[in-house]
Amino acid sequence: MTFTRLAGLAALLWLTGCANLDKTAADPNAPATASTSTTATIPRTAAPAAAALPPHVAIIPTGPLQPITSTETSSRGVIGAAPPADLWDRIRHGFAMPELDSDLVRDREQWYATRPDYIQRMTERSSKYLFHIVEELERRNMPTELALLPYIESAFNPQAVSSAKAAGMWQFMPATGTYFELKQNIFRDDRRDVLASTRAALDYLQKLYGMFGDWHLALAAYNWGEGSVSRAIARNQKAGLGVGYLDLNMPAETRLYVPKLQAVKNIVAHPEQFRTELPLIENHPYFQTVDITRDIDVALAARLADVKADDFKALNPSA
């Protein structure tokens, strides 16, 4: 079992516990203990150690060294070595999806921009999880826009359950969760485990992008189902129509899905244009994971980690 703990507080445990291959709530009667051989998450503040530099061959010039001017720096493509201090900047630098421009995007921008309290609650809640998601996206060379997807799915609430029984931050349906090896039983629901569900969500999104070769269609399939998107494409091809996201006939929820993400992306990219202030999220881990090998009472685990029970629960929603 792996617990997660806060990266600057002490040690907080992360117990595991709408993607639509097909979206279940954890059993409310499940005992509040960590099951054997899982992972716990604990809040932390220390920045991660820098990776070792690869070996290289130094070329020693024979003449005197010449300083590089700012103009030469730009023309030679020299970049600063310091990483972004702010996680929002890091996310912006990783944006790689094509822009979606439609009235639906502008409508969603207006909706979010006129609800600053909602934006504040969502972004503050996301501060516990965003660094981990961005790390995983960069490791897989995926667009960092996808780190914003839980804003659309669950407002970054690992305990969220939809009317269709999708659960967790990434809103996995029961069957989809099972397909991506998210355990669901009376003791745990891994769809609520931020580590496990993030791994599964990125696996699924990579699979969908491989199928459709288009991130907007991949996102539509994440929401609506890959079979539904494939059939919609086939219908349009047969009718001689376009097969892009805006061309397909789809349910209203899916029609709004990518515009919502684009609107959030636009607000993150240019918060000042929407009179929005994003809370500072520093560019370092919020938690670390701790492996445990036997059951432990949740309240005791939080006490031993010297963190508040609410923080423990936020990082270990399946506990």
Protein backbone atom coordinates (compact mmCIF):
# COMPACT_ATOMS: atom_id res chain seq x y z
CA MET A 1 0.00 0.00 0.00
CA THR A 2 1.28 3.46 -0.73
CA PHE A 3 0.33 6.54 1.26
CA THR A 4 0.82 10.11 0.06
CA ARG A 5 2.02 12.79 2.40
CA LEU A 6 2.15 16.59 2.14
CA ALA A 7 5.36 17.82 0.57
CA GLY A 8 6.04 20.56 3.02
CA LEU A 9 4.09 19.66 6.14
CA ALA A 10 5.16 16.28 7.37
CA ALA A 11 4.10 12.88 6.16
CA LEU A 12 0.55 12.44 4.89
CA LEU A 13 -0.64 9.07 3.64
CA TRP A 14 -2.32 8.53 0.26
CA LEU A 15 -4.54 5.44 0.24
CA THR A 16 -6.06 4.23 -2.95
CA GLY A 17 -9.27 3.77 -3.43
CA CYS A 18 -15.56 10.88 -16.81
CA ALA A 19 -13.75 8.40 -18.43
CA ASN A 20 -16.15 6.57 -20.60
CA LEU A 21 -15.15 3.23 -22.03
CA ASP A 22 -17.95 3.09 -20.03
CA LYS A 23 -18.33 6.36 -15.23
CA THR A 24 -19.08 3.55 -8.96
CA ALA A 25 -19.11 5.19 -5.80
CA ALA A 26 -17.07 3.56 -3.04
CA ASP A 27 -19.10 1.47 -0.61
CA PRO A 28 -20.16 3.85 2.20
CA ASN A 29 -19.83 0.97 4.66
CA ALA A 30 -16.23 0.25 3.80
CA PRO A 31 -14.01 0.22 6.92
CA ALA A 32 -11.72 3.21 7.44
CA THR A 33 -8.47 1.30 7.24
CA ALA A 34 -5.68 1.11 4.74
CA SER A 35 -5.65 -2.20 2.96
CA THR A 36 -2.49 -4.26 2.67
CA SER A 37 0.01 -3.45 -0.05
CA THR A 38 -1.17 -0.03 -1.16
CA THR A 39 0.24 3.49 -1.36
CA ALA A 40 -0.13 6.49 0.90
CA THR A 41 0.39 10.14 0.05
CA ILE A 42 1.93 12.63 2.45
CA PRO A 43 2.17 16.48 2.03
CA ARG A 44 5.72 17.77 1.56
CA THR A 45 7.55 21.05 0.88
CA ALA A 46 11.01 20.08 -0.21
CA ALA A 47 11.74 20.58 -3.88
CA PRO A 48 12.69 17.43 -5.78
CA ALA A 49 16.37 16.70 -6.23
CA ALA A 50 17.79 17.80 -9.54
CA ALA A 51 18.40 15.03 -12.03
CA ALA A 52 22.01 14.16 -12.75
CA LEU A 53 23.34 15.68 -15.95
CA PRO A 54 24.26 13.26 -18.72
CA PRO A 55 27.95 12.89 -19.53
CA HIS A 56 29.15 15.17 -22.30
CA VAL A 57 32.28 16.12 -24.16
CA ALA A 58 33.62 19.62 -23.50
CA ILE A 59 35.07 21.49 -26.44
CA ILE A 60 37.75 23.92 -25.24
CA PRO A 61 38.10 26.98 -27.49
CA THR A 62 41.59 28.07 -28.41
CA GLY A 63 40.85 31.81 -28.50
CA PRO A 64 39.58 34.14 -25.76
CA LEU A 65 36.04 33.56 -24.51
CA GLN A 66 33.43 35.96 -25.85
CA PRO A 67 30.35 36.92 -23.80
CA ILE A 68 26.98 36.04 -25.27
CA THR A 69 24.76 39.08 -25.70
CA SER A 70 21.02 39.03 -25.08
CA THR A 71 20.47 39.25 -28.86
CA GLU A 72 22.71 36.26 -29.45
CA THR A 73 20.97 34.38 -26.66
CA SER A 74 17.66 34.78 -28.46
CA SER A 75 19.03 33.99 -31.91
CA ARG A 76 20.88 30.90 -30.70
CA GLY A 77 17.84 29.54 -28.91
CA VAL A 78 19.55 29.67 -25.52
CA ILE A 79 17.06 29.15 -22.71
CA GLY A 80 17.31 29.88 -19.03
CA ALA A 81 18.26 26.99 -16.77
CA ALA A 82 15.94 27.96 -13.93
CA PRO A 83 12.59 26.13 -13.94
CA PRO A 84 9.39 28.17 -13.58
CA ALA A 85 8.82 29.09 -9.93
CA ASP A 86 5.07 29.08 -10.49
CA LEU A 87 3.26 25.91 -11.60
CA TRP A 88 0.85 27.93 -13.75
CA ASP A 89 3.80 29.11 -15.87
CA ARG A 90 5.00 25.54 -16.22
CA ILE A 91 1.55 24.48 -17.39
CA ARG A 92 1.37 27.35 -19.89
CA HIS A 93 4.75 26.40 -21.35
CA GLY A 94 3.45 22.88 -22.02
CA PHE A 95 0.29 23.87 -23.90
CA ALA A 96 0.37 21.94 -27.18
CA MET A 97 -3.23 21.33 -28.30
CA PRO A 98 -4.74 23.19 -31.25
CA GLU A 99 -6.98 26.08 -30.27
CA LEU A 100 -10.74 25.66 -30.52
CA ASP A 101 -12.47 28.88 -31.53
CA SER A 102 -16.26 28.90 -31.28
CA ASP A 103 -19.13 30.74 -29.64
CA LEU A 104 -19.38 27.85 -27.18
CA VAL A 105 -15.87 28.64 -25.93
CA ARG A 106 -16.75 32.30 -25.43
CA ASP A 107 -19.93 31.33 -23.62
CA ARG A 108 -17.96 29.12 -21.20
CA GLU A 109 -15.31 31.83 -20.71
CA GLN A 110 -18.07 34.20 -19.65
CA TRP A 111 -19.58 31.57 -17.34
CA TYR A 112 -16.30 30.97 -15.49
CA ALA A 113 -15.19 34.60 -15.47
CA THR A 114 -18.42 35.71 -13.77
CA ARG A 115 -17.93 33.14 -10.98
CA PRO A 116 -14.61 34.12 -9.33
CA ASP A 117 -15.49 32.35 -6.07
CA TYR A 118 -15.99 29.09 -7.95
CA ILE A 119 -12.69 29.52 -9.80
CA GLN A 120 -10.95 30.24 -6.49
CA ARG A 121 -12.35 27.11 -4.81
CA MET A 122 -11.47 24.90 -7.77
CA THR A 123 -7.93 26.18 -8.14
CA GLU A 124 -7.18 26.01 -4.43
CA ARG A 125 -8.42 22.42 -4.33
CA SER A 126 -6.33 21.54 -7.36
CA SER A 127 -3.12 22.81 -5.70
CA LYS A 128 -2.73 19.47 -3.90
CA TYR A 129 -2.72 17.46 -7.11
CA LEU A 130 -1.59 19.57 -10.07
CA PHE A 131 2.17 19.15 -9.65
CA HIS A 132 1.86 15.36 -9.75
CA ILE A 133 -0.36 15.47 -12.84
CA VAL A 134 1.96 17.87 -14.68
CA GLU A 135 4.96 15.69 -13.83
CA GLU A 136 3.21 12.66 -15.30
CA LEU A 137 2.12 14.52 -18.43
CA GLU A 138 5.62 15.81 -19.09
CA ARG A 139 7.10 12.37 -18.48
CA ARG A 140 4.76 11.00 -21.17
CA ASN A 141 5.29 14.01 -23.48
CA MET A 142 1.57 14.83 -23.38
CA PRO A 143 -0.01 18.33 -23.62
CA THR A 144 -0.29 20.05 -20.25
CA GLU A 145 -3.82 21.23 -21.11
CA LEU A 146 -4.82 17.76 -19.90
CA ALA A 147 -3.82 18.76 -16.35
CA LEU A 148 -6.85 21.06 -16.45
CA LEU A 149 -9.30 18.30 -17.39
CA PRO A 150 -10.30 17.48 -13.77
CA TYR A 151 -11.64 21.05 -13.52
CA ILE A 152 -14.21 19.97 -16.10
CA GLU A 153 -14.78 16.45 -14.82
CA SER A 154 -15.05 16.93 -11.06
CA ALA A 155 -13.81 20.41 -10.07
CA PHE A 156 -10.79 18.47 -8.75
CA ASN A 157 -12.88 16.60 -6.17
CA PRO A 158 -11.62 13.00 -5.70
CA GLN A 159 -14.88 12.16 -3.90
CA ALA A 160 -17.12 13.30 -6.76
CA VAL A 161 -19.76 10.82 -7.95
CA SER A 162 -21.99 11.55 -10.94
CA SER A 163 -25.60 10.49 -11.45
CA ALA A 164 -24.26 7.95 -13.96
CA LYS A 165 -22.01 6.43 -11.22
CA ALA A 166 -18.77 7.91 -12.55
CA ALA A 167 -16.41 8.46 -9.61
CA GLY A 168 -13.25 10.26 -8.65
CA MET A 169 -11.30 13.24 -9.88
CA TRP A 170 -11.14 11.82 -13.41
CA GLN A 171 -14.73 10.47 -13.32
CA PHE A 172 -14.20 6.85 -14.34
CA MET A 173 -17.23 4.69 -15.04
CA PRO A 174 -17.08 1.31 -13.26
CA ALA A 175 -16.34 -0.75 -16.38
CA THR A 176 -13.73 1.69 -17.67
CA GLY A 177 -12.05 1.72 -14.28
CA THR A 178 -11.91 -2.07 -14.26
CA TYR A 179 -10.44 -2.11 -17.77
CA PHE A 180 -7.65 0.20 -16.61
CA GLU A 181 -6.98 -1.87 -13.48
CA LEU A 182 -8.64 0.41 -10.92
CA LYS A 183 -9.78 -1.91 -8.14
CA GLN A 184 -13.35 -1.46 -6.90
CA ASN A 185 -14.64 -3.45 -3.94
CA ILE A 186 -16.17 -2.93 -0.50
CA PHE A 187 -12.77 -1.90 0.90
CA ARG A 188 -11.45 0.44 -1.77
CA ASP A 189 -12.29 2.27 -4.95
CA ASP A 190 -9.18 3.17 -6.88
CA ARG A 191 -11.15 5.59 -9.03
CA ARG A 192 -10.89 7.91 -6.01
CA ASP A 193 -7.17 7.31 -5.59
CA VAL A 194 -5.48 10.30 -7.20
CA LEU A 195 -2.29 8.41 -8.05
CA ALA A 196 -3.97 5.34 -9.53
CA SER A 197 -6.73 7.24 -11.31
CA THR A 198 -4.29 9.74 -12.82
CA ARG A 199 -2.20 6.88 -14.19
CA ALA A 200 -5.34 5.27 -15.63
CA ALA A 201 -6.70 8.53 -17.08
CA LEU A 202 -3.46 9.32 -18.89
CA ASP A 203 -3.24 5.73 -20.15
CA TYR A 204 -6.76 6.06 -21.53
CA LEU A 205 -6.15 9.47 -23.10
CA GLN A 206 -3.00 8.19 -24.78
CA LYS A 207 -4.97 5.22 -26.12
CA LEU A 208 -7.70 7.50 -27.48
CA TYR A 209 -5.21 9.84 -29.12
CA GLY A 210 -3.60 6.83 -30.75
CA MET A 211 -7.00 5.82 -32.12
CA PHE A 212 -8.12 9.19 -33.47
CA GLY A 213 -4.90 11.17 -33.96
CA ASP A 214 -6.68 14.30 -32.75
CA TRP A 215 -6.82 15.58 -29.17
CA HIS A 216 -10.28 17.10 -29.52
CA LEU A 217 -11.70 13.80 -30.77
CA ALA A 218 -9.78 11.94 -28.05
CA LEU A 219 -11.40 14.17 -25.42
CA ALA A 220 -14.83 13.66 -26.98
CA ALA A 221 -14.25 9.91 -26.76
CA TYR A 222 -13.13 10.21 -23.11
CA ASN A 223 -16.49 11.80 -22.35
CA TRP A 224 -18.81 10.02 -24.80
CA GLY A 225 -17.04 6.74 -25.45
CA GLU A 226 -14.68 5.69 -28.22
CA GLY A 227 -17.35 3.62 -29.96
CA SER A 228 -19.74 6.57 -30.09
CA VAL A 229 -17.11 8.85 -31.62
CA SER A 230 -16.06 6.20 -34.14
CA ARG A 231 -19.67 5.72 -35.26
CA ALA A 232 -20.22 9.49 -35.55
CA ILE A 233 -17.10 9.76 -37.73
CA ALA A 234 -18.28 6.86 -39.91
CA ARG A 235 -21.69 8.51 -40.41
CA ASN A 236 -20.09 11.77 -41.50
CA GLN A 237 -17.67 10.02 -43.82
CA LYS A 238 -20.55 8.18 -45.47
CA ALA A 239 -22.40 11.48 -45.92
CA GLY A 240 -19.33 13.25 -47.27
CA LEU A 241 -19.16 15.58 -44.26
CA GLY A 242 -16.23 16.74 -42.16
CA VAL A 243 -14.97 14.55 -39.33
CA GLY A 244 -13.54 17.15 -36.94
CA TYR A 245 -14.85 17.75 -33.42
CA LEU A 246 -17.13 20.60 -34.49
CA ASP A 247 -18.44 18.60 -37.47
CA LEU A 248 -19.80 15.62 -35.56
CA ASN A 249 -23.32 15.21 -34.25
CA MET A 250 -22.95 14.51 -30.52
CA PRO A 251 -24.83 14.90 -27.22
CA ALA A 252 -24.95 18.38 -25.66
CA GLU A 253 -22.62 17.34 -22.81
CA THR A 254 -19.93 16.22 -25.25
CA ARG A 255 -20.51 19.21 -27.51
CA LEU A 256 -19.66 21.47 -24.53
CA TYR A 257 -16.82 19.30 -23.21
CA VAL A 258 -13.88 20.60 -25.24
CA PRO A 259 -15.17 24.22 -25.23
CA LYS A 260 -15.16 24.06 -21.41
CA LEU A 261 -11.56 22.87 -21.39
CA GLN A 262 -10.57 25.52 -23.95
CA ALA A 263 -12.23 28.21 -21.82
CA VAL A 264 -10.34 27.12 -18.70
CA LYS A 265 -7.13 26.98 -20.73
CA ASN A 266 -7.71 30.54 -21.97
CA ILE A 267 -8.31 31.80 -18.43
CA VAL A 268 -5.14 30.09 -17.18
CA ALA A 269 -3.18 31.47 -20.14
CA HIS A 270 -4.40 35.06 -19.70
CA PRO A 271 -6.12 35.48 -16.31
CA GLU A 272 -5.82 39.27 -16.47
CA GLN A 273 -7.99 39.38 -19.59
CA PHE A 274 -10.80 37.77 -17.61
CA ARG A 275 -10.19 39.81 -14.44
CA THR A 276 -9.31 36.58 -12.70
CA GLU A 277 -6.57 36.05 -10.13
CA LEU A 278 -5.15 32.55 -9.89
CA PRO A 279 -3.80 31.51 -6.49
CA LEU A 280 -0.07 30.88 -6.32
CA ILE A 281 0.82 27.21 -6.80
CA GLU A 282 4.53 26.70 -6.34
CA ASN A 283 6.42 24.45 -8.72
CA HIS A 284 7.33 21.68 -6.30
CA PRO A 285 5.64 18.53 -4.96
CA TYR A 286 2.80 18.90 -2.49
CA PHE A 287 3.04 15.31 -1.28
CA GLN A 288 5.23 12.25 -1.27
CA THR A 289 4.22 8.60 -1.17
CA VAL A 290 4.96 6.12 1.59
CA ASP A 291 4.58 2.36 1.20
CA ILE A 292 2.91 0.47 4.03
CA THR A 293 2.71 -3.29 4.38
CA ARG A 294 -0.12 -3.78 6.88
CA ASP A 295 -3.49 -2.31 7.78
CA ILE A 296 -3.50 0.89 9.81
CA ASP A 297 -6.32 2.95 11.27
CA VAL A 298 -6.87 6.11 9.23
CA ALA A 299 -7.06 8.44 12.24
CA LEU A 300 -3.87 6.92 13.66
CA ALA A 301 -2.09 7.26 10.31
CA ALA A 302 -2.98 10.95 10.11
CA ARG A 303 -1.86 11.50 13.70
CA LEU A 304 1.45 9.73 13.15
CA ALA A 305 1.98 11.79 10.01
CA ASP A 306 1.30 14.93 12.07
CA VAL A 307 -1.22 16.31 9.59
CA LYS A 308 -4.83 17.36 9.87
CA ALA A 309 -7.42 14.69 9.20
CA ASP A 310 -8.93 16.79 6.39
CA ASP A 311 -5.55 17.06 4.64
CA PHE A 312 -5.04 13.34 5.04
CA LYS A 313 -8.46 12.61 3.54
CA ALA A 314 -7.87 14.99 0.64
CA LEU A 315 -4.71 13.11 -0.30
CA ASN A 316 -6.05 9.66 0.52
CA PRO A 317 -9.72 9.84 -0.53
CA SER A 318 -10.14 6.05 -0.54
CA ALA A 319 -8.99 5.78 3.07
